[in-house]
Amino acid sequence: MPEAALVREVTEELGCRVEVVGWLTGEVPIGTTHVLAVAVVRIVDGEPDPGEHDLVRWLEAGQLGEVDWLESDRPFLAELRDTLRVDEQLARGKGGPD
């Protein structure tokens, strides 16, 4: 199950526990043996600690353009932006799209 593998990997790499709440549309081939799929998760325990990584950075929808994304990440950005905007609206108590 991809969800269980993702939760386990985030726990190992970032030291926090997440739950998968959805997946963005589509997949991008990575080489000849892998595909990139993007999960939407919610932190359920702890705070991300980059450990072996350079940085963990929280971004709002309007900040996605500030990152030099890998080419394989770019197909997901429009849907990610829309997902973040809905979450931002819900956090402000404005509800989601009509």
Protein backbone atom coordinates (compact mmCIF):
# COMPACT_ATOMS: atom_id res chain seq x y z
CA MET A 1 0.00 0.00 0.00
CA PRO A 2 1.59 3.32 -1.06
CA GLU A 3 0.04 5.21 1.88
CA ALA A 4 1.76 3.02 4.47
CA ALA A 5 5.12 3.33 2.70
CA LEU A 6 4.77 7.10 2.52
CA VAL A 7 3.85 7.42 6.22
CA ARG A 8 6.81 5.21 7.16
CA GLU A 9 9.22 7.21 4.96
CA VAL A 10 8.09 10.60 6.33
CA THR A 11 8.45 9.28 9.88
CA GLU A 12 11.99 8.07 9.14
CA GLU A 13 13.11 11.15 7.18
CA LEU A 14 11.35 13.97 9.02
CA GLY A 15 10.57 12.55 12.46
CA CYS A 16 6.85 13.30 12.41
CA ARG A 17 3.80 11.16 11.74
CA VAL A 18 1.40 12.01 8.94
CA GLU A 19 -1.81 10.64 7.50
CA VAL A 20 -2.56 10.65 3.79
CA VAL A 21 -5.73 12.63 3.06
CA GLY A 22 -5.58 12.50 -0.73
CA TRP A 23 -3.47 12.34 -3.86
CA LEU A 24 -2.88 14.90 -6.58
CA THR A 25 -3.87 13.83 -10.08
CA GLY A 26 -1.42 12.06 -12.34
CA GLU A 27 2.01 10.50 -12.18
CA VAL A 28 5.35 11.45 -13.71
CA PRO A 29 7.81 8.78 -14.87
CA ILE A 30 11.20 8.92 -13.15
CA GLY A 31 13.64 6.94 -15.25
CA THR A 32 12.42 3.58 -16.49
CA THR A 33 11.48 1.96 -13.17
CA HIS A 34 9.81 4.61 -10.97
CA VAL A 35 6.91 7.05 -11.04
CA LEU A 36 6.40 10.17 -8.97
CA ALA A 37 2.98 10.58 -7.36
CA VAL A 38 2.15 13.38 -4.90
CA ALA A 39 0.22 12.78 -1.71
CA VAL A 40 -1.59 15.39 0.35
CA VAL A 41 -0.93 14.70 4.03
CA ARG A 42 -1.79 16.08 7.43
CA ILE A 43 0.65 16.01 10.34
CA VAL A 44 -0.86 14.02 13.21
CA ASP A 45 2.10 13.91 15.59
CA GLY A 46 5.31 15.90 15.98
CA GLU A 47 6.91 18.60 13.85
CA PRO A 48 9.06 18.05 10.74
CA ASP A 49 12.79 18.07 11.47
CA PRO A 50 14.90 18.07 8.30
CA GLY A 51 17.69 16.01 9.91
CA GLU A 52 19.73 14.94 6.89
CA HIS A 53 17.97 17.42 4.59
CA ASP A 54 18.84 21.07 4.07
CA LEU A 55 15.48 22.63 4.78
CA VAL A 56 11.79 22.18 5.52
CA ARG A 57 9.78 25.15 4.36
CA TRP A 58 6.06 25.84 4.62
CA LEU A 59 4.63 27.52 1.53
CA GLU A 60 1.32 29.20 0.87
CA ALA A 61 -0.29 28.90 -2.56
CA GLY A 62 1.10 32.26 -3.68
CA GLN A 63 4.65 31.29 -2.72
CA LEU A 64 5.00 28.20 -4.93
CA GLY A 65 6.61 30.30 -7.66
CA GLU A 66 9.49 31.19 -5.31
CA VAL A 67 10.91 27.66 -5.46
CA ASP A 68 13.18 26.28 -8.18
CA TRP A 69 11.18 23.06 -8.65
CA LEU A 70 12.58 20.00 -10.35
CA GLU A 71 11.10 19.40 -13.79
CA SER A 72 9.32 16.27 -12.54
CA ASP A 73 7.54 18.34 -9.84
CA ARG A 74 6.19 21.01 -12.19
CA PRO A 75 3.15 19.08 -13.55
CA PHE A 76 1.69 19.00 -10.02
CA LEU A 77 2.02 22.70 -9.21
CA ALA A 78 -1.31 23.97 -10.58
CA GLU A 79 -3.34 21.38 -8.65
CA LEU A 80 -1.18 21.87 -5.56
CA ARG A 81 -1.78 25.63 -5.76
CA ASP A 82 -5.55 25.03 -5.95
CA THR A 83 -5.43 22.57 -3.04
CA LEU A 84 -3.49 25.02 -0.89
CA ARG A 85 -5.89 27.86 -1.72
CA VAL A 86 -8.88 25.80 -0.57
CA ASP A 87 -7.05 24.90 2.66
CA GLU A 88 -6.14 28.56 3.22
CA GLN A 89 -9.77 29.59 2.73
CA LEU A 90 -10.97 26.92 5.16
CA ALA A 91 -8.40 28.04 7.73
CA ARG A 92 -9.74 31.59 7.45
CA GLY A 93 -13.32 30.36 7.85
CA LYS A 94 -14.37 31.29 4.32
CA GLY A 95 -15.31 27.79 3.20
CA GLY A 96 -14.25 26.03 0.04
CA PRO A 97 -15.17 26.54 -3.61
CA ASP A 98 -18.88 26.79 -4.45
